[in-house]
Amino acid sequence: MAQTQLQSVVVGYGGGRSSSASYQATLTIQSVVGESASASAECRLGFWAGFYEAFVSSAMDLPTYQDQLFQNSPNPFNPRTTIRFTLAQEAQTRIEVFDLRGRRVARLLDETVAAGAHSLVFEPENLASGVYFLRLQAGNYSANSRLVLLK
């Protein structure tokens, strides 16, 4: 059975004592965007409570991500909107905003981003009401969405 190692997990045993070096425990893994997955994990402990490394079956339902740009929310917006996106793997990522004439009016992100779910807040101060376009480029993936700013 394939194993996945989790970094520093804490499980409280509820006040009892365990004389066994290993036992079955159920734990919940919380992801960045609030999704969770449960799995049965065999934990080898030096003490009955504390930090340890847990090895979990890779068959458990951990979130898997694909490259995706979600519609900003709220839209239309004033004064700010949240932009959410997911990446299947780490990639050099750029998020830019353009006006109707194709001029870049904002660069929100230009850095290497880890795989997973991400969000950022766009709060334009010097832009007029109108329609704008958001472009996400991450590795070979590219996506666009329309933003409507109402002041």
N, C-alpha and C. Protein backbone atom coordinates (compact mmCIF):
# COMPACT_ATOMS: atom_id res chain seq x y z
N MET A 1 0.85 -1.17 0.00
CA MET A 1 0.00 0.00 0.00
C MET A 1 0.89 1.23 0.00
N ALA A 2 0.61 2.19 -0.88
CA ALA A 2 1.39 3.42 -0.97
C ALA A 2 1.14 4.28 0.27
N GLN A 3 2.15 4.99 0.69
CA GLN A 3 2.05 5.82 1.89
C GLN A 3 2.39 7.26 1.55
N THR A 4 1.71 8.20 2.21
CA THR A 4 1.99 9.61 2.07
C THR A 4 2.36 10.13 3.45
N GLN A 5 3.46 10.85 3.55
CA GLN A 5 3.88 11.37 4.84
C GLN A 5 3.34 12.76 5.05
N LEU A 6 2.70 12.97 6.21
CA LEU A 6 2.20 14.29 6.58
C LEU A 6 3.19 14.92 7.54
N GLN A 7 3.36 16.21 7.43
CA GLN A 7 4.26 16.94 8.32
C GLN A 7 3.56 17.21 9.65
N SER A 8 4.21 17.08 10.74
CA SER A 8 3.79 17.48 12.08
C SER A 8 2.28 17.55 12.29
N VAL A 9 1.69 16.46 12.68
CA VAL A 9 0.26 16.38 12.95
C VAL A 9 0.08 16.19 14.45
N VAL A 10 -0.95 16.79 15.03
CA VAL A 10 -1.23 16.62 16.45
C VAL A 10 -2.58 15.94 16.60
N VAL A 11 -2.62 14.88 17.42
CA VAL A 11 -3.88 14.21 17.74
C VAL A 11 -3.97 14.12 19.24
N GLY A 12 -5.06 14.59 19.83
CA GLY A 12 -5.29 14.43 21.26
C GLY A 12 -6.01 13.12 21.49
N TYR A 13 -5.55 12.31 22.43
CA TYR A 13 -6.09 10.98 22.65
C TYR A 13 -7.23 11.00 23.66
N GLY A 14 -7.64 12.09 24.18
CA GLY A 14 -8.81 12.17 25.05
C GLY A 14 -8.56 11.80 26.50
N GLY A 15 -7.35 11.81 26.98
CA GLY A 15 -7.09 11.62 28.39
C GLY A 15 -6.74 10.22 28.81
N GLY A 16 -6.89 9.24 27.92
CA GLY A 16 -6.54 7.87 28.28
C GLY A 16 -5.08 7.60 28.05
N ARG A 17 -4.65 6.39 28.39
CA ARG A 17 -3.27 6.00 28.13
C ARG A 17 -3.25 4.83 27.16
N SER A 18 -2.23 4.82 26.33
CA SER A 18 -2.07 3.73 25.39
C SER A 18 -0.71 3.11 25.60
N SER A 19 -0.70 1.78 25.80
CA SER A 19 0.57 1.10 25.99
C SER A 19 1.11 0.56 24.66
N SER A 20 0.31 0.68 23.62
CA SER A 20 0.71 0.19 22.31
C SER A 20 1.59 1.21 21.60
N ALA A 21 2.56 0.73 20.84
CA ALA A 21 3.43 1.63 20.08
C ALA A 21 2.74 2.16 18.84
N SER A 22 1.66 1.48 18.41
CA SER A 22 0.92 1.97 17.26
C SER A 22 -0.56 1.65 17.46
N TYR A 23 -1.43 2.48 16.90
CA TYR A 23 -2.86 2.25 16.98
C TYR A 23 -3.53 2.94 15.82
N GLN A 24 -4.78 2.65 15.57
CA GLN A 24 -5.53 3.28 14.49
C GLN A 24 -6.16 4.57 15.01
N ALA A 25 -6.06 5.63 14.23
CA ALA A 25 -6.67 6.92 14.59
C ALA A 25 -7.36 7.47 13.36
N THR A 26 -8.43 8.21 13.56
CA THR A 26 -9.10 8.90 12.47
C THR A 26 -8.78 10.36 12.58
N LEU A 27 -8.39 10.98 11.46
CA LEU A 27 -8.04 12.39 11.50
C LEU A 27 -8.66 13.10 10.31
N THR A 28 -8.76 14.41 10.40
CA THR A 28 -9.29 15.23 9.33
C THR A 28 -8.21 16.18 8.88
N ILE A 29 -8.05 16.29 7.58
CA ILE A 29 -7.06 17.20 7.00
C ILE A 29 -7.81 18.37 6.40
N GLN A 30 -7.47 19.58 6.82
CA GLN A 30 -8.14 20.80 6.37
C GLN A 30 -7.28 21.47 5.31
N SER A 31 -7.84 21.73 4.14
CA SER A 31 -7.08 22.38 3.08
C SER A 31 -7.25 23.89 3.16
N VAL A 32 -6.57 24.58 2.28
CA VAL A 32 -6.55 26.05 2.29
C VAL A 32 -7.95 26.64 2.08
N VAL A 33 -8.76 26.02 1.24
CA VAL A 33 -10.06 26.59 0.92
C VAL A 33 -11.19 26.00 1.74
N GLY A 34 -10.88 25.21 2.77
CA GLY A 34 -11.92 24.72 3.67
C GLY A 34 -12.46 23.37 3.29
N GLU A 35 -11.98 22.75 2.22
CA GLU A 35 -12.40 21.40 1.91
C GLU A 35 -11.67 20.48 2.88
N SER A 36 -12.26 19.34 3.19
CA SER A 36 -11.57 18.44 4.09
C SER A 36 -11.69 17.01 3.61
N ALA A 37 -10.80 16.17 4.08
CA ALA A 37 -10.83 14.75 3.75
C ALA A 37 -10.55 13.98 5.02
N SER A 38 -11.24 12.87 5.24
CA SER A 38 -11.00 12.05 6.41
C SER A 38 -10.36 10.74 5.97
N ALA A 39 -9.56 10.17 6.84
CA ALA A 39 -8.92 8.90 6.53
C ALA A 39 -8.55 8.19 7.80
N SER A 40 -8.38 6.90 7.72
CA SER A 40 -7.86 6.14 8.85
C SER A 40 -6.35 6.13 8.71
N ALA A 41 -5.65 6.46 9.78
CA ALA A 41 -4.20 6.55 9.72
C ALA A 41 -3.58 5.70 10.82
N GLU A 42 -2.53 4.97 10.50
CA GLU A 42 -1.80 4.25 11.53
C GLU A 42 -0.70 5.16 12.03
N CYS A 43 -0.72 5.47 13.32
CA CYS A 43 0.22 6.42 13.89
C CYS A 43 1.19 5.69 14.81
N ARG A 44 2.47 5.88 14.58
CA ARG A 44 3.49 5.30 15.46
C ARG A 44 3.95 6.42 16.38
N LEU A 45 3.73 6.24 17.66
CA LEU A 45 3.96 7.31 18.62
C LEU A 45 5.06 6.95 19.61
N GLY A 46 5.85 7.92 19.98
CA GLY A 46 6.75 7.76 21.10
C GLY A 46 6.03 8.08 22.40
N PHE A 47 5.00 8.95 22.32
CA PHE A 47 4.20 9.33 23.46
C PHE A 47 2.74 9.29 23.02
N TRP A 48 1.83 9.23 23.97
CA TRP A 48 0.41 9.10 23.60
C TRP A 48 -0.18 10.39 23.09
N ALA A 49 0.48 11.51 23.25
CA ALA A 49 0.00 12.78 22.68
C ALA A 49 1.23 13.61 22.34
N GLY A 50 1.17 14.39 21.30
CA GLY A 50 2.27 15.26 20.94
C GLY A 50 2.45 15.32 19.44
N PHE A 51 3.55 15.89 19.01
CA PHE A 51 3.83 15.99 17.59
C PHE A 51 4.45 14.68 17.12
N TYR A 52 4.07 14.25 15.95
CA TYR A 52 4.64 13.06 15.36
C TYR A 52 4.39 13.10 13.86
N GLU A 53 4.97 12.16 13.14
CA GLU A 53 4.73 12.05 11.71
C GLU A 53 3.73 10.93 11.49
N ALA A 54 2.69 11.19 10.70
CA ALA A 54 1.67 10.20 10.42
C ALA A 54 1.83 9.73 8.98
N PHE A 55 1.63 8.45 8.76
CA PHE A 55 1.67 7.89 7.41
C PHE A 55 0.26 7.48 7.06
N VAL A 56 -0.25 8.02 5.95
CA VAL A 56 -1.65 7.84 5.59
C VAL A 56 -1.72 7.19 4.21
N SER A 57 -2.68 6.32 4.03
CA SER A 57 -2.87 5.66 2.75
C SER A 57 -3.11 6.70 1.66
N SER A 58 -2.45 6.57 0.51
CA SER A 58 -2.64 7.53 -0.57
C SER A 58 -4.00 7.36 -1.22
N ALA A 59 -4.75 6.33 -0.86
CA ALA A 59 -6.09 6.12 -1.42
C ALA A 59 -7.12 7.06 -0.79
N MET A 60 -6.73 7.76 0.27
CA MET A 60 -7.70 8.66 0.90
C MET A 60 -8.05 9.81 -0.02
N ASP A 61 -9.15 10.46 0.24
CA ASP A 61 -9.71 11.46 -0.66
C ASP A 61 -9.11 12.84 -0.41
N LEU A 62 -7.81 13.00 -0.66
CA LEU A 62 -7.19 14.33 -0.55
C LEU A 62 -7.61 15.16 -1.75
N PRO A 63 -7.77 16.47 -1.58
CA PRO A 63 -8.15 17.30 -2.72
C PRO A 63 -7.09 17.24 -3.82
N THR A 64 -7.53 17.07 -5.04
CA THR A 64 -6.64 17.18 -6.19
C THR A 64 -7.10 18.39 -6.98
N TYR A 65 -6.18 19.09 -7.56
CA TYR A 65 -6.50 20.35 -8.21
C TYR A 65 -6.18 20.28 -9.70
N GLN A 66 -6.91 21.05 -10.46
CA GLN A 66 -6.60 21.27 -11.86
C GLN A 66 -6.41 22.77 -12.05
N ASP A 67 -5.74 23.15 -13.12
CA ASP A 67 -5.57 24.57 -13.39
C ASP A 67 -6.94 25.16 -13.70
N GLN A 68 -7.35 26.15 -12.89
CA GLN A 68 -8.68 26.73 -13.09
C GLN A 68 -8.74 28.14 -12.49
N LEU A 69 -9.38 29.03 -13.23
CA LEU A 69 -9.67 30.38 -12.75
C LEU A 69 -11.17 30.46 -12.52
N PHE A 70 -11.58 30.86 -11.33
CA PHE A 70 -12.99 30.99 -11.00
C PHE A 70 -13.43 32.44 -11.21
N GLN A 71 -14.72 32.63 -11.43
CA GLN A 71 -15.25 33.99 -11.58
C GLN A 71 -15.05 34.75 -10.28
N ASN A 72 -14.59 35.99 -10.39
CA ASN A 72 -14.40 36.81 -9.19
C ASN A 72 -15.73 37.00 -8.47
N SER A 73 -15.63 37.24 -7.19
CA SER A 73 -16.84 37.42 -6.38
C SER A 73 -16.59 38.52 -5.36
N PRO A 74 -17.49 39.46 -5.21
CA PRO A 74 -18.69 39.66 -6.02
C PRO A 74 -18.34 40.25 -7.38
N ASN A 75 -19.29 40.15 -8.30
CA ASN A 75 -19.14 40.73 -9.63
C ASN A 75 -20.54 41.07 -10.14
N PRO A 76 -20.87 42.33 -10.33
CA PRO A 76 -20.08 43.56 -10.21
C PRO A 76 -19.60 43.79 -8.77
N PHE A 77 -18.56 44.61 -8.64
CA PHE A 77 -17.98 44.84 -7.32
C PHE A 77 -17.71 46.31 -7.08
N ASN A 78 -17.64 46.66 -5.80
CA ASN A 78 -17.25 47.97 -5.32
C ASN A 78 -17.11 47.86 -3.80
N PRO A 79 -16.03 48.09 -3.22
CA PRO A 79 -14.75 48.57 -3.75
C PRO A 79 -13.76 47.44 -4.03
N ARG A 80 -14.08 46.17 -3.64
CA ARG A 80 -13.10 45.09 -3.80
C ARG A 80 -13.79 43.82 -4.27
N THR A 81 -12.98 42.91 -4.82
CA THR A 81 -13.47 41.60 -5.25
C THR A 81 -12.40 40.56 -4.96
N THR A 82 -12.83 39.32 -4.78
CA THR A 82 -11.90 38.22 -4.51
C THR A 82 -11.74 37.38 -5.77
N ILE A 83 -10.50 37.09 -6.09
CA ILE A 83 -10.16 36.28 -7.25
C ILE A 83 -9.62 34.95 -6.74
N ARG A 84 -10.27 33.86 -7.14
CA ARG A 84 -9.84 32.52 -6.71
C ARG A 84 -9.36 31.72 -7.91
N PHE A 85 -8.31 30.92 -7.68
CA PHE A 85 -7.80 30.04 -8.73
C PHE A 85 -7.12 28.84 -8.11
N THR A 86 -7.02 27.76 -8.88
CA THR A 86 -6.31 26.57 -8.43
C THR A 86 -5.26 26.20 -9.47
N LEU A 87 -4.18 25.60 -9.00
CA LEU A 87 -3.10 25.14 -9.87
C LEU A 87 -2.83 23.67 -9.59
N ALA A 88 -2.65 22.88 -10.64
CA ALA A 88 -2.36 21.47 -10.50
C ALA A 88 -0.92 21.23 -10.04
N GLN A 89 -0.03 22.13 -10.39
CA GLN A 89 1.37 22.01 -9.99
C GLN A 89 1.97 23.40 -9.83
N GLU A 90 3.10 23.47 -9.15
CA GLU A 90 3.79 24.74 -8.97
C GLU A 90 4.12 25.34 -10.33
N ALA A 91 3.90 26.64 -10.46
CA ALA A 91 4.15 27.30 -11.75
C ALA A 91 4.42 28.78 -11.56
N GLN A 92 5.20 29.34 -12.48
CA GLN A 92 5.34 30.79 -12.55
C GLN A 92 3.98 31.35 -12.94
N THR A 93 3.42 32.22 -12.12
CA THR A 93 2.03 32.66 -12.29
C THR A 93 1.97 34.17 -12.38
N ARG A 94 1.17 34.63 -13.34
CA ARG A 94 0.97 36.07 -13.52
C ARG A 94 -0.53 36.33 -13.63
N ILE A 95 -1.00 37.31 -12.86
CA ILE A 95 -2.40 37.74 -12.94
C ILE A 95 -2.39 39.24 -13.23
N GLU A 96 -3.05 39.62 -14.34
CA GLU A 96 -3.08 41.02 -14.77
C GLU A 96 -4.51 41.42 -15.10
N VAL A 97 -4.77 42.72 -14.99
CA VAL A 97 -6.08 43.30 -15.32
C VAL A 97 -5.88 44.27 -16.47
N PHE A 98 -6.79 44.19 -17.48
CA PHE A 98 -6.72 45.02 -18.67
C PHE A 98 -8.02 45.79 -18.84
N ASP A 99 -7.93 46.99 -19.44
CA ASP A 99 -9.15 47.74 -19.76
C ASP A 99 -9.67 47.29 -21.13
N LEU A 100 -10.76 47.91 -21.59
CA LEU A 100 -11.37 47.52 -22.86
C LEU A 100 -10.48 47.77 -24.06
N ARG A 101 -9.53 48.67 -23.94
CA ARG A 101 -8.60 48.96 -25.04
C ARG A 101 -7.39 48.02 -25.04
N GLY A 102 -7.34 47.12 -24.07
CA GLY A 102 -6.23 46.17 -24.01
C GLY A 102 -5.02 46.66 -23.26
N ARG A 103 -5.13 47.81 -22.58
CA ARG A 103 -4.02 48.33 -21.80
C ARG A 103 -4.02 47.67 -20.42
N ARG A 104 -2.84 47.24 -19.97
CA ARG A 104 -2.74 46.67 -18.63
C ARG A 104 -2.89 47.79 -17.61
N VAL A 105 -3.84 47.62 -16.68
CA VAL A 105 -4.08 48.63 -15.65
C VAL A 105 -3.63 48.16 -14.27
N ALA A 106 -3.36 46.86 -14.14
CA ALA A 106 -2.88 46.34 -12.85
C ALA A 106 -2.21 44.99 -13.05
N ARG A 107 -1.14 44.77 -12.32
CA ARG A 107 -0.50 43.44 -12.22
C ARG A 107 -0.67 43.02 -10.77
N LEU A 108 -1.48 41.99 -10.56
CA LEU A 108 -1.80 41.56 -9.21
C LEU A 108 -0.84 40.52 -8.66
N LEU A 109 -0.22 39.76 -9.55
CA LEU A 109 0.66 38.69 -9.11
C LEU A 109 1.65 38.38 -10.22
N ASP A 110 2.91 38.16 -9.85
CA ASP A 110 3.93 37.75 -10.80
C ASP A 110 5.02 37.03 -10.02
N GLU A 111 4.78 35.75 -9.72
CA GLU A 111 5.72 34.96 -8.92
C GLU A 111 5.42 33.48 -9.07
N THR A 112 6.30 32.65 -8.56
CA THR A 112 6.08 31.22 -8.55
C THR A 112 5.08 30.89 -7.45
N VAL A 113 4.05 30.12 -7.81
CA VAL A 113 2.97 29.79 -6.88
C VAL A 113 2.88 28.27 -6.76
N ALA A 114 2.71 27.78 -5.55
CA ALA A 114 2.61 26.34 -5.29
C ALA A 114 1.30 25.78 -5.82
N ALA A 115 1.28 24.47 -6.04
CA ALA A 115 0.04 23.80 -6.43
C ALA A 115 -0.98 23.95 -5.31
N GLY A 116 -2.27 24.00 -5.67
CA GLY A 116 -3.32 24.10 -4.67
C GLY A 116 -4.28 25.23 -4.96
N ALA A 117 -5.08 25.56 -3.96
CA ALA A 117 -6.10 26.60 -4.09
C ALA A 117 -5.56 27.92 -3.54
N HIS A 118 -5.86 29.00 -4.25
CA HIS A 118 -5.35 30.32 -3.87
C HIS A 118 -6.43 31.38 -4.09
N SER A 119 -6.30 32.48 -3.37
CA SER A 119 -7.19 33.61 -3.59
C SER A 119 -6.44 34.90 -3.30
N LEU A 120 -6.88 35.96 -3.93
CA LEU A 120 -6.33 37.28 -3.65
C LEU A 120 -7.45 38.30 -3.80
N VAL A 121 -7.26 39.45 -3.18
CA VAL A 121 -8.26 40.51 -3.22
C VAL A 121 -7.76 41.62 -4.13
N PHE A 122 -8.63 42.03 -5.05
CA PHE A 122 -8.35 43.14 -5.96
C PHE A 122 -9.18 44.32 -5.49
N GLU A 123 -8.48 45.40 -5.15
CA GLU A 123 -9.14 46.60 -4.64
C GLU A 123 -8.59 47.82 -5.40
N PRO A 124 -9.13 48.07 -6.60
CA PRO A 124 -8.61 49.18 -7.40
C PRO A 124 -9.00 50.52 -6.80
N GLU A 125 -8.04 51.43 -6.72
CA GLU A 125 -8.31 52.75 -6.15
C GLU A 125 -8.45 53.81 -7.24
N ASN A 126 -7.72 53.67 -8.32
CA ASN A 126 -7.67 54.73 -9.33
C ASN A 126 -8.32 54.32 -10.65
N LEU A 127 -9.20 53.35 -10.63
CA LEU A 127 -9.87 52.93 -11.86
C LEU A 127 -11.30 53.45 -11.88
N ALA A 128 -11.75 53.82 -13.07
CA ALA A 128 -13.13 54.28 -13.25
C ALA A 128 -14.07 53.08 -13.33
N SER A 129 -15.34 53.33 -13.12
CA SER A 129 -16.35 52.28 -13.31
C SER A 129 -16.24 51.76 -14.73
N GLY A 130 -16.47 50.47 -14.90
CA GLY A 130 -16.42 49.90 -16.24
C GLY A 130 -16.12 48.42 -16.23
N VAL A 131 -15.94 47.89 -17.44
CA VAL A 131 -15.64 46.48 -17.64
C VAL A 131 -14.13 46.33 -17.81
N TYR A 132 -13.57 45.35 -17.13
CA TYR A 132 -12.15 45.04 -17.19
C TYR A 132 -12.00 43.54 -17.42
N PHE A 133 -10.84 43.15 -17.89
CA PHE A 133 -10.57 41.74 -18.13
C PHE A 133 -9.39 41.29 -17.30
N LEU A 134 -9.54 40.14 -16.67
CA LEU A 134 -8.49 39.56 -15.84
C LEU A 134 -7.87 38.41 -16.63
N ARG A 135 -6.55 38.35 -16.66
CA ARG A 135 -5.86 37.24 -17.32
C ARG A 135 -4.95 36.55 -16.33
N LEU A 136 -5.11 35.23 -16.24
CA LEU A 136 -4.26 34.37 -15.42
C LEU A 136 -3.40 33.55 -16.35
N GLN A 137 -2.08 33.59 -16.15
CA GLN A 137 -1.15 32.74 -16.89
C GLN A 137 -0.32 31.99 -15.86
N ALA A 138 -0.34 30.66 -15.96
CA ALA A 138 0.43 29.81 -15.04
C ALA A 138 1.02 28.67 -15.85
N GLY A 139 2.32 28.71 -16.06
CA GLY A 139 2.94 27.69 -16.91
C GLY A 139 2.34 27.77 -18.30
N ASN A 140 1.80 26.66 -18.80
CA ASN A 140 1.18 26.62 -20.13
C ASN A 140 -0.31 26.93 -20.08
N TYR A 141 -0.86 27.15 -18.89
CA TYR A 141 -2.29 27.42 -18.73
C TYR A 141 -2.55 28.91 -18.80
N SER A 142 -3.63 29.29 -19.49
CA SER A 142 -4.05 30.68 -19.57
C SER A 142 -5.57 30.75 -19.51
N ALA A 143 -6.10 31.70 -18.76
CA ALA A 143 -7.56 31.86 -18.66
C ALA A 143 -7.89 33.33 -18.47
N ASN A 144 -9.09 33.71 -18.90
CA ASN A 144 -9.55 35.10 -18.80
C ASN A 144 -10.92 35.14 -18.12
N SER A 145 -11.21 36.25 -17.47
CA SER A 145 -12.55 36.47 -16.94
C SER A 145 -12.85 37.97 -16.99
N ARG A 146 -14.12 38.29 -16.93
CA ARG A 146 -14.57 39.67 -17.03
C ARG A 146 -14.90 40.21 -15.64
N LEU A 147 -14.43 41.40 -15.33
CA LEU A 147 -14.70 42.07 -14.06
C LEU A 147 -15.53 43.32 -14.35
N VAL A 148 -16.50 43.59 -13.51
CA VAL A 148 -17.30 44.81 -13.67
C VAL A 148 -17.17 45.63 -12.39
N LEU A 149 -16.56 46.81 -12.51
CA LEU A 149 -16.38 47.73 -11.39
C LEU A 149 -17.45 48.80 -11.44
N LEU A 150 -18.21 48.91 -10.35
CA LEU A 150 -19.23 49.97 -10.24
C LEU A 150 -18.87 50.86 -9.07
N LYS A 151 -18.73 52.15 -9.33
CA LYS A 151 -18.41 53.09 -8.24
C LYS A 151 -19.58 53.99 -7.98
